[in-house]
Amino acid sequence: MTRPLIAIVGATATGKTGLSIEVARRLGGEIISMDSRQVYRRMDIGTAKASPEQRALVPHHGLDLADPDQRFSAGQFATYTRERIGEMRARGALPLLVGGTGFFLRALTRPIFAEPPLDPRRRSELTSHLAELDDHALHRWLRELDPESAARLETGGGRQRLIRGLELPLLTGRSLTWWHRNSPPEDEPLDPLIFLLELPRDELDRRIGQRTSAMIEDGLVGEVAGLLQSGYDESSPGMSATGYREIIPVVRGEASIEKAAEEVRKSTRSYSRRQVTWFRNQLPETAIRLDGTKSPDQLANEILEGYRR
């Protein structure tokens, strides 16, 4: 029998990394990161990637796949992940999908449409032009061209998804919503055993505050400075991530580290609220909810029990 596929999901700062390593060690597993920012090279501190010491304990995949100025879509993630899952199963390892990027999980459980061929030159020129527009203008264009997608992104989703939503109607004449409804999916859906880590809001906020302070102490400002020196800036897809866009003004001497740190905490709290809402509404009823205030050892025991059952 094929060993079940496990997914450990939850909002940022709920303890997914440490727990997944413990589960992988007990079950002979390998971890695939489901984090849309951890795919970027040289963005380690601000994305809370597993440390080199943690990666030495358990094989990790899905990290450092693209440069910060490159787009990395949910479709690319799904293709990459299916290949890794096949390799792991061939060598008898258990794949563990771990992260908080809901649309990466959805790309596996509800595969997206087969994307039509797009001319690379026209796409690059369009993306460069759209990157010059502010969020308000992008939303306005999307409301005209794809009202359903615009409504989904009204409360958040980031510039990258706004630009993505505009590319297809402008390059193909058909909206993203139309392609979702009328183009066949690329692959068969996967059906992982999903475990959702949950925390009370005050505890989640406390951990976010602690993590932000730790990132700054560990050298986040220097990491951002190095990326800017290499030619990346706020227009780069990776650099729009929380924790990077707020620190850029510090490096440029336009804001204090204290103000930027508070902005990072505020943005991360807002992002975590959106994650909690997404998981509450999008996960199947079979998802197993876990109390994130318990120790990693206790939680690992619960996951092993659910896995064996």
C-alpha atoms as a PDB file:
ATOM      1  CA  MET A   1       0.000   0.000   0.000  1.00  0.00           C
ATOM      2  CA  THR A   2       1.101   3.555  -0.673  1.00  0.00           C
ATOM      3  CA  ARG A   3       1.842   5.274   2.611  1.00  0.00           C
ATOM      4  CA  PRO A   4      -0.581   8.131   3.288  1.00  0.00           C
ATOM      5  CA  LEU A   5       0.550  11.651   2.513  1.00  0.00           C
ATOM      6  CA  ILE A   6       0.683  13.952   5.571  1.00  0.00           C
ATOM      7  CA  ALA A   7       0.222  17.729   5.587  1.00  0.00           C
ATOM      8  CA  ILE A   8       0.960  19.863   8.656  1.00  0.00           C
ATOM      9  CA  VAL A   9      -0.495  23.334   8.180  1.00  0.00           C
ATOM     10  CA  GLY A  10      -1.303  26.432  10.200  1.00  0.00           C
ATOM     11  CA  ALA A  11      -0.713  30.145  10.515  1.00  0.00           C
ATOM     12  CA  THR A  12       2.759  31.591  10.830  1.00  0.00           C
ATOM     13  CA  ALA A  13       4.493  31.078  14.199  1.00  0.00           C
ATOM     14  CA  THR A  14       2.317  28.130  15.265  1.00  0.00           C
ATOM     15  CA  GLY A  15       5.316  25.782  15.558  1.00  0.00           C
ATOM     16  CA  LYS A  16       5.063  23.830  12.303  1.00  0.00           C
ATOM     17  CA  THR A  17       8.804  23.544  11.692  1.00  0.00           C
ATOM     18  CA  GLY A  18       9.799  21.947  14.984  1.00  0.00           C
ATOM     19  CA  LEU A  19       6.787  19.647  15.004  1.00  0.00           C
ATOM     20  CA  SER A  20       7.312  18.468  11.439  1.00  0.00           C
ATOM     21  CA  ILE A  21      10.938  17.568  12.156  1.00  0.00           C
ATOM     22  CA  GLU A  22       9.874  15.483  15.146  1.00  0.00           C
ATOM     23  CA  VAL A  23       7.199  13.681  13.093  1.00  0.00           C
ATOM     24  CA  ALA A  24       9.575  13.113  10.176  1.00  0.00           C
ATOM     25  CA  ARG A  25      12.208  11.614  12.471  1.00  0.00           C
ATOM     26  CA  ARG A  26       9.687   9.179  13.957  1.00  0.00           C
ATOM     27  CA  LEU A  27       8.121   8.100  10.660  1.00  0.00           C
ATOM     28  CA  GLY A  28      11.101   8.161   8.324  1.00  0.00           C
ATOM     29  CA  GLY A  29       9.799  11.195   6.500  1.00  0.00           C
ATOM     30  CA  GLU A  30      11.124  14.044   4.390  1.00  0.00           C
ATOM     31  CA  ILE A  31       9.736  17.582   4.510  1.00  0.00           C
ATOM     32  CA  ILE A  32       8.451  19.628   1.580  1.00  0.00           C
ATOM     33  CA  SER A  33       8.046  23.288   2.481  1.00  0.00           C
ATOM     34  CA  MET A  34       4.677  24.792   1.495  1.00  0.00           C
ATOM     35  CA  ASP A  35       5.774  28.398   1.957  1.00  0.00           C
ATOM     36  CA  SER A  36       5.569  30.804  -0.971  1.00  0.00           C
ATOM     37  CA  ARG A  37       8.492  32.894   0.371  1.00  0.00           C
ATOM     38  CA  GLN A  38      10.853  30.122   1.419  1.00  0.00           C
ATOM     39  CA  VAL A  39      11.225  29.224  -2.263  1.00  0.00           C
ATOM     40  CA  TYR A  40      13.469  32.292  -2.646  1.00  0.00           C
ATOM     41  CA  ARG A  41      17.241  32.100  -2.339  1.00  0.00           C
ATOM     42  CA  ARG A  42      19.065  34.392   0.119  1.00  0.00           C
ATOM     43  CA  MET A  43      15.819  35.064   1.989  1.00  0.00           C
ATOM     44  CA  ASP A  44      16.421  32.938   5.058  1.00  0.00           C
ATOM     45  CA  ILE A  45      15.951  34.960   8.232  1.00  0.00           C
ATOM     46  CA  GLY A  46      12.796  36.832   7.265  1.00  0.00           C
ATOM     47  CA  THR A  47      11.067  33.700   5.957  1.00  0.00           C
ATOM     48  CA  ALA A  48      11.981  31.603   9.028  1.00  0.00           C
ATOM     49  CA  LYS A  49      13.519  28.797   7.000  1.00  0.00           C
ATOM     50  CA  ALA A  50      14.641  25.698   8.839  1.00  0.00           C
ATOM     51  CA  SER A  51      18.198  26.222  10.063  1.00  0.00           C
ATOM     52  CA  PRO A  52      21.143  24.243   8.649  1.00  0.00           C
ATOM     53  CA  GLU A  53      21.141  22.231  11.886  1.00  0.00           C
ATOM     54  CA  GLN A  54      17.453  21.366  11.452  1.00  0.00           C
ATOM     55  CA  ARG A  55      17.959  20.430   7.804  1.00  0.00           C
ATOM     56  CA  ALA A  56      20.763  18.110   8.852  1.00  0.00           C
ATOM     57  CA  LEU A  57      18.276  16.165  10.997  1.00  0.00           C
ATOM     58  CA  VAL A  58      15.682  15.629   8.258  1.00  0.00           C
ATOM     59  CA  PRO A  59      15.853  16.196   4.464  1.00  0.00           C
ATOM     60  CA  HIS A  60      14.044  19.383   3.430  1.00  0.00           C
ATOM     61  CA  HIS A  61      12.707  20.233  -0.034  1.00  0.00           C
ATOM     62  CA  GLY A  62      10.993  23.254  -1.524  1.00  0.00           C
ATOM     63  CA  LEU A  63      13.637  25.736  -0.332  1.00  0.00           C
ATOM     64  CA  ASP A  64      15.817  28.046  -2.468  1.00  0.00           C
ATOM     65  CA  LEU A  65      14.163  27.293  -5.802  1.00  0.00           C
ATOM     66  CA  ALA A  66      14.109  30.793  -7.329  1.00  0.00           C
ATOM     67  CA  ASP A  67      15.843  34.163  -7.178  1.00  0.00           C
ATOM     68  CA  PRO A  68      13.906  37.007  -5.492  1.00  0.00           C
ATOM     69  CA  ASP A  69      13.154  38.704  -8.828  1.00  0.00           C
ATOM     70  CA  GLN A  70      11.505  35.590 -10.280  1.00  0.00           C
ATOM     71  CA  ARG A  71       7.879  34.568 -10.059  1.00  0.00           C
ATOM     72  CA  PHE A  72       7.127  31.156  -8.532  1.00  0.00           C
ATOM     73  CA  SER A  73       3.515  30.161  -8.998  1.00  0.00           C
ATOM     74  CA  ALA A  74       1.308  27.604  -7.292  1.00  0.00           C
ATOM     75  CA  GLY A  75       1.398  25.623 -10.520  1.00  0.00           C
ATOM     76  CA  GLN A  76       5.201  25.479 -10.453  1.00  0.00           C
ATOM     77  CA  PHE A  77       5.044  24.396  -6.821  1.00  0.00           C
ATOM     78  CA  ALA A  78       2.571  21.612  -7.628  1.00  0.00           C
ATOM     79  CA  THR A  79       4.743  20.274 -10.458  1.00  0.00           C
ATOM     80  CA  TYR A  80       7.872  20.382  -8.300  1.00  0.00           C
ATOM     81  CA  THR A  81       6.134  18.754  -5.326  1.00  0.00           C
ATOM     82  CA  ARG A  82       4.604  15.899  -7.296  1.00  0.00           C
ATOM     83  CA  GLU A  83       8.061  15.035  -8.620  1.00  0.00           C
ATOM     84  CA  ARG A  84       9.550  15.056  -5.109  1.00  0.00           C
ATOM     85  CA  ILE A  85       6.685  12.938  -3.738  1.00  0.00           C
ATOM     86  CA  GLY A  86       7.285  10.345  -6.447  1.00  0.00           C
ATOM     87  CA  GLU A  87      10.995  10.209  -5.624  1.00  0.00           C
ATOM     88  CA  MET A  88      10.341   9.887  -1.880  1.00  0.00           C
ATOM     89  CA  ARG A  89       7.859   7.081  -2.322  1.00  0.00           C
ATOM     90  CA  ALA A  90      10.283   5.256  -4.597  1.00  0.00           C
ATOM     91  CA  ARG A  91      12.861   5.202  -1.787  1.00  0.00           C
ATOM     92  CA  GLY A  92      10.317   4.422   0.935  1.00  0.00           C
ATOM     93  CA  ALA A  93      10.263   7.847   2.599  1.00  0.00           C
ATOM     94  CA  LEU A  94       7.070   9.479   3.870  1.00  0.00           C
ATOM     95  CA  PRO A  95       6.384  12.912   2.294  1.00  0.00           C
ATOM     96  CA  LEU A  96       5.395  15.620   4.785  1.00  0.00           C
ATOM     97  CA  LEU A  97       3.877  18.787   3.336  1.00  0.00           C
ATOM     98  CA  VAL A  98       4.538  21.574   5.830  1.00  0.00           C
ATOM     99  CA  GLY A  99       3.624  25.251   5.670  1.00  0.00           C
ATOM    100  CA  GLY A 100       1.097  28.023   5.798  1.00  0.00           C
ATOM    101  CA  THR A 101       0.579  28.928   2.128  1.00  0.00           C
ATOM    102  CA  GLY A 102      -2.952  27.775   1.530  1.00  0.00           C
ATOM    103  CA  PHE A 103      -2.992  28.176  -2.236  1.00  0.00           C
ATOM    104  CA  PHE A 104       0.067  25.902  -2.505  1.00  0.00           C
ATOM    105  CA  LEU A 105      -1.900  23.201  -0.679  1.00  0.00           C
ATOM    106  CA  ARG A 106      -4.932  23.855  -2.848  1.00  0.00           C
ATOM    107  CA  ALA A 107      -2.841  23.451  -6.003  1.00  0.00           C
ATOM    108  CA  LEU A 108      -2.242  19.845  -4.910  1.00  0.00           C
ATOM    109  CA  THR A 109      -5.670  18.946  -3.521  1.00  0.00           C
ATOM    110  CA  ARG A 110      -7.641  20.886  -6.149  1.00  0.00           C
ATOM    111  CA  PRO A 111      -5.290  21.025  -9.140  1.00  0.00           C
ATOM    112  CA  ILE A 112      -5.325  24.205 -11.136  1.00  0.00           C
ATOM    113  CA  PHE A 113      -6.110  24.372 -14.830  1.00  0.00           C
ATOM    114  CA  ALA A 114      -3.617  23.599 -17.545  1.00  0.00           C
ATOM    115  CA  GLU A 115      -2.179  27.027 -18.311  1.00  0.00           C
ATOM    116  CA  PRO A 116      -2.314  28.158 -21.941  1.00  0.00           C
ATOM    117  CA  PRO A 117       1.006  28.909 -23.645  1.00  0.00           C
ATOM    118  CA  LEU A 118       2.040  32.529 -23.187  1.00  0.00           C
ATOM    119  CA  ASP A 119       4.629  34.407 -25.211  1.00  0.00           C
ATOM    120  CA  PRO A 120       7.589  34.928 -22.807  1.00  0.00           C
ATOM    121  CA  ARG A 121       8.544  38.314 -24.245  1.00  0.00           C
ATOM    122  CA  ARG A 122       5.043  39.765 -24.078  1.00  0.00           C
ATOM    123  CA  ARG A 123       4.568  38.342 -20.582  1.00  0.00           C
ATOM    124  CA  SER A 124       7.820  39.876 -19.356  1.00  0.00           C
ATOM    125  CA  GLU A 125       6.950  43.286 -20.821  1.00  0.00           C
ATOM    126  CA  LEU A 126       3.461  43.171 -19.315  1.00  0.00           C
ATOM    127  CA  THR A 127       4.740  42.138 -15.890  1.00  0.00           C
ATOM    128  CA  SER A 128       7.249  44.994 -15.904  1.00  0.00           C
ATOM    129  CA  HIS A 129       4.504  47.464 -16.773  1.00  0.00           C
ATOM    130  CA  LEU A 130       2.087  46.145 -14.135  1.00  0.00           C
ATOM    131  CA  ALA A 131       4.831  46.288 -11.484  1.00  0.00           C
ATOM    132  CA  GLU A 132       4.903  50.081 -11.939  1.00  0.00           C
ATOM    133  CA  LEU A 133       1.233  50.389 -10.897  1.00  0.00           C
ATOM    134  CA  ASP A 134       0.158  50.716  -7.268  1.00  0.00           C
ATOM    135  CA  ASP A 135      -2.200  48.228  -5.603  1.00  0.00           C
ATOM    136  CA  HIS A 136      -5.222  50.493  -6.052  1.00  0.00           C
ATOM    137  CA  ALA A 137      -4.707  50.653  -9.816  1.00  0.00           C
ATOM    138  CA  LEU A 138      -4.149  46.901 -10.056  1.00  0.00           C
ATOM    139  CA  HIS A 139      -7.390  46.246  -8.149  1.00  0.00           C
ATOM    140  CA  ARG A 140      -9.268  48.672 -10.389  1.00  0.00           C
ATOM    141  CA  TRP A 141      -8.078  46.937 -13.555  1.00  0.00           C
ATOM    142  CA  LEU A 142      -8.848  43.500 -12.121  1.00  0.00           C
ATOM    143  CA  ARG A 143     -12.387  44.552 -11.157  1.00  0.00           C
ATOM    144  CA  GLU A 144     -12.943  45.488 -14.813  1.00  0.00           C
ATOM    145  CA  LEU A 145     -11.393  42.356 -16.313  1.00  0.00           C
ATOM    146  CA  ASP A 146     -12.193  39.653 -13.738  1.00  0.00           C
ATOM    147  CA  PRO A 147     -14.680  40.743 -11.034  1.00  0.00           C
ATOM    148  CA  GLU A 148     -14.704  37.343  -9.284  1.00  0.00           C
ATOM    149  CA  SER A 149     -10.938  37.225  -8.870  1.00  0.00           C
ATOM    150  CA  ALA A 150     -10.950  40.858  -7.756  1.00  0.00           C
ATOM    151  CA  ALA A 151     -13.501  40.056  -5.064  1.00  0.00           C
ATOM    152  CA  ARG A 152     -11.381  37.170  -3.763  1.00  0.00           C
ATOM    153  CA  LEU A 153      -8.314  39.394  -3.555  1.00  0.00           C
ATOM    154  CA  GLU A 154     -10.070  42.437  -2.108  1.00  0.00           C
ATOM    155  CA  THR A 155      -9.039  41.655   1.472  1.00  0.00           C
ATOM    156  CA  GLY A 156      -5.505  40.545   0.668  1.00  0.00           C
ATOM    157  CA  GLY A 157      -3.406  38.228  -1.408  1.00  0.00           C
ATOM    158  CA  GLY A 158      -0.470  40.385  -2.384  1.00  0.00           C
ATOM    159  CA  ARG A 159       0.718  42.146  -5.513  1.00  0.00           C
ATOM    160  CA  GLN A 160       1.984  38.954  -7.110  1.00  0.00           C
ATOM    161  CA  ARG A 161      -1.516  37.453  -7.188  1.00  0.00           C
ATOM    162  CA  LEU A 162      -2.998  40.720  -8.469  1.00  0.00           C
ATOM    163  CA  ILE A 163      -0.505  40.807 -11.328  1.00  0.00           C
ATOM    164  CA  ARG A 164      -1.108  37.121 -12.011  1.00  0.00           C
ATOM    165  CA  GLY A 165      -4.842  37.815 -12.178  1.00  0.00           C
ATOM    166  CA  LEU A 166      -4.270  40.466 -14.844  1.00  0.00           C
ATOM    167  CA  GLU A 167      -1.804  38.557 -17.018  1.00  0.00           C
ATOM    168  CA  LEU A 168      -4.229  35.998 -18.404  1.00  0.00           C
ATOM    169  CA  PRO A 169      -7.052  38.335 -19.477  1.00  0.00           C
ATOM    170  CA  LEU A 170      -4.593  40.786 -21.008  1.00  0.00           C
ATOM    171  CA  LEU A 171      -2.571  38.115 -22.843  1.00  0.00           C
ATOM    172  CA  THR A 172      -5.294  35.598 -23.744  1.00  0.00           C
ATOM    173  CA  GLY A 173      -8.538  37.556 -23.737  1.00  0.00           C
ATOM    174  CA  ARG A 174      -9.957  35.182 -21.094  1.00  0.00           C
ATOM    175  CA  SER A 175     -10.022  35.823 -17.358  1.00  0.00           C
ATOM    176  CA  LEU A 176      -8.399  33.658 -14.697  1.00  0.00           C
ATOM    177  CA  THR A 177     -11.908  32.722 -13.523  1.00  0.00           C
ATOM    178  CA  TRP A 178     -12.817  31.567 -17.028  1.00  0.00           C
ATOM    179  CA  TRP A 179      -9.691  29.403 -17.301  1.00  0.00           C
ATOM    180  CA  HIS A 180     -10.399  27.819 -13.916  1.00  0.00           C
ATOM    181  CA  ARG A 181     -13.891  26.832 -15.052  1.00  0.00           C
ATOM    182  CA  ASN A 182     -13.202  25.748 -18.612  1.00  0.00           C
ATOM    183  CA  SER A 183      -9.691  24.314 -18.777  1.00  0.00           C
ATOM    184  CA  PRO A 184      -9.048  20.749 -17.541  1.00  0.00           C
ATOM    185  CA  PRO A 185      -6.870  20.299 -14.419  1.00  0.00           C
ATOM    186  CA  GLU A 186      -3.213  19.487 -14.906  1.00  0.00           C
ATOM    187  CA  ASP A 187      -3.170  16.466 -12.577  1.00  0.00           C
ATOM    188  CA  GLU A 188      -5.247  14.188 -10.401  1.00  0.00           C
ATOM    189  CA  PRO A 189      -5.931  15.661  -6.934  1.00  0.00           C
ATOM    190  CA  LEU A 190      -3.897  14.488  -3.950  1.00  0.00           C
ATOM    191  CA  ASP A 191      -5.669  13.566  -0.715  1.00  0.00           C
ATOM    192  CA  PRO A 192      -3.296  14.164   2.211  1.00  0.00           C
ATOM    193  CA  LEU A 193      -4.096  13.502   5.848  1.00  0.00           C
ATOM    194  CA  ILE A 194      -4.191  17.119   7.059  1.00  0.00           C
ATOM    195  CA  PHE A 195      -3.279  18.290  10.571  1.00  0.00           C
ATOM    196  CA  LEU A 196      -4.044  21.925  11.412  1.00  0.00           C
ATOM    197  CA  LEU A 197      -2.083  23.619  14.197  1.00  0.00           C
ATOM    198  CA  GLU A 198      -4.175  26.202  16.039  1.00  0.00           C
ATOM    199  CA  LEU A 199      -3.366  28.751  18.735  1.00  0.00           C
ATOM    200  CA  PRO A 200      -5.456  31.262  20.713  1.00  0.00           C
ATOM    201  CA  ARG A 201      -5.128  34.697  19.152  1.00  0.00           C
ATOM    202  CA  ASP A 202      -3.272  36.253  22.103  1.00  0.00           C
ATOM    203  CA  GLU A 203      -0.721  33.429  22.141  1.00  0.00           C
ATOM    204  CA  LEU A 204      -0.264  33.650  18.376  1.00  0.00           C
ATOM    205  CA  ASP A 205       0.325  37.399  18.629  1.00  0.00           C
ATOM    206  CA  ARG A 206       2.833  36.858  21.444  1.00  0.00           C
ATOM    207  CA  ARG A 207       4.804  34.365  19.369  1.00  0.00           C
ATOM    208  CA  ILE A 208       4.753  36.676  16.360  1.00  0.00           C
ATOM    209  CA  GLY A 209       6.229  39.433  18.530  1.00  0.00           C
ATOM    210  CA  GLN A 210       8.956  37.122  19.806  1.00  0.00           C
ATOM    211  CA  ARG A 211       9.769  35.859  16.320  1.00  0.00           C
ATOM    212  CA  THR A 212      10.045  39.380  14.930  1.00  0.00           C
ATOM    213  CA  SER A 213      12.487  40.382  17.656  1.00  0.00           C
ATOM    214  CA  ALA A 214      14.531  37.223  17.072  1.00  0.00           C
ATOM    215  CA  MET A 215      14.707  37.849  13.318  1.00  0.00           C
ATOM    216  CA  ILE A 216      16.056  41.353  13.860  1.00  0.00           C
ATOM    217  CA  GLU A 217      18.597  40.095  16.398  1.00  0.00           C
ATOM    218  CA  ASP A 218      19.649  37.367  13.972  1.00  0.00           C
ATOM    219  CA  GLY A 219      20.469  39.906  11.240  1.00  0.00           C
ATOM    220  CA  LEU A 220      17.350  40.607   9.181  1.00  0.00           C
ATOM    221  CA  VAL A 221      18.486  44.154   8.413  1.00  0.00           C
ATOM    222  CA  GLY A 222      21.778  42.863   7.043  1.00  0.00           C
ATOM    223  CA  GLU A 223      19.974  40.242   4.976  1.00  0.00           C
ATOM    224  CA  VAL A 224      17.752  42.897   3.392  1.00  0.00           C
ATOM    225  CA  ALA A 225      20.738  45.184   2.814  1.00  0.00           C
ATOM    226  CA  GLY A 226      22.552  42.410   0.966  1.00  0.00           C
ATOM    227  CA  LEU A 227      19.548  41.787  -1.257  1.00  0.00           C
ATOM    228  CA  LEU A 228      19.250  45.496  -2.113  1.00  0.00           C
ATOM    229  CA  GLN A 229      22.948  45.659  -2.920  1.00  0.00           C
ATOM    230  CA  SER A 230      22.448  42.742  -5.324  1.00  0.00           C
ATOM    231  CA  GLY A 231      19.871  44.734  -7.273  1.00  0.00           C
ATOM    232  CA  TYR A 232      16.630  43.419  -5.799  1.00  0.00           C
ATOM    233  CA  ASP A 233      14.048  45.882  -4.482  1.00  0.00           C
ATOM    234  CA  GLU A 234      10.380  46.162  -3.506  1.00  0.00           C
ATOM    235  CA  SER A 235       9.315  45.448  -7.099  1.00  0.00           C
ATOM    236  CA  SER A 236      10.885  41.979  -6.926  1.00  0.00           C
ATOM    237  CA  PRO A 237       8.252  39.287  -6.230  1.00  0.00           C
ATOM    238  CA  GLY A 238      10.167  37.843  -3.289  1.00  0.00           C
ATOM    239  CA  MET A 239      10.882  41.198  -1.686  1.00  0.00           C
ATOM    240  CA  SER A 240       7.201  42.021  -1.323  1.00  0.00           C
ATOM    241  CA  ALA A 241       7.093  39.541   1.564  1.00  0.00           C
ATOM    242  CA  THR A 242       6.245  40.667   5.083  1.00  0.00           C
ATOM    243  CA  GLY A 243       9.462  41.316   6.968  1.00  0.00           C
ATOM    244  CA  TYR A 244      11.282  42.574   3.894  1.00  0.00           C
ATOM    245  CA  ARG A 245       9.203  45.448   2.567  1.00  0.00           C
ATOM    246  CA  GLU A 246       9.060  46.975   6.067  1.00  0.00           C
ATOM    247  CA  ILE A 247      12.851  46.753   6.568  1.00  0.00           C
ATOM    248  CA  ILE A 248      13.802  48.289   3.216  1.00  0.00           C
ATOM    249  CA  PRO A 249      13.210  51.869   4.506  1.00  0.00           C
ATOM    250  CA  VAL A 250      15.529  51.112   7.463  1.00  0.00           C
ATOM    251  CA  VAL A 251      18.370  50.148   5.128  1.00  0.00           C
ATOM    252  CA  ARG A 252      17.758  53.320   3.108  1.00  0.00           C
ATOM    253  CA  GLY A 253      17.806  55.471   6.234  1.00  0.00           C
ATOM    254  CA  GLU A 254      14.148  56.419   5.878  1.00  0.00           C
ATOM    255  CA  ALA A 255      12.805  54.752   9.052  1.00  0.00           C
ATOM    256  CA  SER A 256      13.977  53.583  12.453  1.00  0.00           C
ATOM    257  CA  ILE A 257      14.384  49.921  13.272  1.00  0.00           C
ATOM    258  CA  GLU A 258      11.898  50.309  16.129  1.00  0.00           C
ATOM    259  CA  LYS A 259       9.189  51.630  13.802  1.00  0.00           C
ATOM    260  CA  ALA A 260       9.935  48.979  11.181  1.00  0.00           C
ATOM    261  CA  ALA A 261       9.838  46.181  13.768  1.00  0.00           C
ATOM    262  CA  GLU A 262       6.386  47.289  14.886  1.00  0.00           C
ATOM    263  CA  GLU A 263       5.250  47.396  11.254  1.00  0.00           C
ATOM    264  CA  VAL A 264       6.536  43.842  10.759  1.00  0.00           C
ATOM    265  CA  ARG A 265       4.614  42.679  13.829  1.00  0.00           C
ATOM    266  CA  LYS A 266       1.462  44.433  12.644  1.00  0.00           C
ATOM    267  CA  SER A 267       1.714  43.054   9.100  1.00  0.00           C
ATOM    268  CA  THR A 268       2.452  39.546  10.329  1.00  0.00           C
ATOM    269  CA  ARG A 269      -0.521  39.608  12.700  1.00  0.00           C
ATOM    270  CA  SER A 270      -2.760  40.698   9.825  1.00  0.00           C
ATOM    271  CA  TYR A 271      -1.359  37.953   7.598  1.00  0.00           C
ATOM    272  CA  SER A 272      -1.900  35.348  10.305  1.00  0.00           C
ATOM    273  CA  ARG A 273      -5.578  36.388  10.561  1.00  0.00           C
ATOM    274  CA  ARG A 274      -5.996  35.769   6.842  1.00  0.00           C
ATOM    275  CA  GLN A 275      -4.310  32.383   7.156  1.00  0.00           C
ATOM    276  CA  VAL A 276      -6.578  31.367  10.037  1.00  0.00           C
ATOM    277  CA  THR A 277      -9.650  32.386   8.033  1.00  0.00           C
ATOM    278  CA  TRP A 278      -8.467  30.497   4.950  1.00  0.00           C
ATOM    279  CA  PHE A 279      -7.799  27.273   6.831  1.00  0.00           C
ATOM    280  CA  ARG A 280     -11.097  27.561   8.700  1.00  0.00           C
ATOM    281  CA  ASN A 281     -13.057  27.820   5.460  1.00  0.00           C
ATOM    282  CA  GLN A 282     -11.031  25.800   2.948  1.00  0.00           C
ATOM    283  CA  LEU A 283      -9.865  22.621   4.682  1.00  0.00           C
ATOM    284  CA  PRO A 284     -11.952  19.444   4.411  1.00  0.00           C
ATOM    285  CA  GLU A 285     -13.974  18.206   7.366  1.00  0.00           C
ATOM    286  CA  THR A 286     -11.515  15.332   7.744  1.00  0.00           C
ATOM    287  CA  ALA A 287      -8.716  17.718   8.779  1.00  0.00           C
ATOM    288  CA  ILE A 288      -7.534  17.024  12.325  1.00  0.00           C
ATOM    289  CA  ARG A 289      -7.166  20.103  14.513  1.00  0.00           C
ATOM    290  CA  LEU A 290      -4.322  20.235  17.009  1.00  0.00           C
ATOM    291  CA  ASP A 291      -3.847  22.420  20.082  1.00  0.00           C
ATOM    292  CA  GLY A 292      -0.645  24.289  19.309  1.00  0.00           C
ATOM    293  CA  THR A 293      -0.032  25.124  22.970  1.00  0.00           C
ATOM    294  CA  LYS A 294       0.968  21.504  23.596  1.00  0.00           C
ATOM    295  CA  SER A 295       4.600  20.390  23.374  1.00  0.00           C
ATOM    296  CA  PRO A 296       6.016  19.122  20.057  1.00  0.00           C
ATOM    297  CA  ASP A 297       6.342  15.679  21.656  1.00  0.00           C
ATOM    298  CA  GLN A 298       2.640  15.586  22.611  1.00  0.00           C
ATOM    299  CA  LEU A 299       1.580  16.862  19.214  1.00  0.00           C
ATOM    300  CA  ALA A 300       3.807  14.353  17.417  1.00  0.00           C
ATOM    301  CA  ASN A 301       2.133  11.576  19.401  1.00  0.00           C
ATOM    302  CA  GLU A 302      -1.287  12.816  18.267  1.00  0.00           C
ATOM    303  CA  ILE A 303      -0.174  12.940  14.634  1.00  0.00           C
ATOM    304  CA  LEU A 304       1.250   9.423  14.817  1.00  0.00           C
ATOM    305  CA  GLU A 305      -1.995   8.201  16.351  1.00  0.00           C
ATOM    306  CA  GLY A 306      -4.037   9.829  13.586  1.00  0.00           C
ATOM    307  CA  TYR A 307      -1.661   8.501  10.931  1.00  0.00           C
ATOM    308  CA  ARG A 308      -1.850   4.914  12.189  1.00  0.00           C
ATOM    309  CA  ARG A 309      -5.603   5.093  12.628  1.00  0.00           C
END
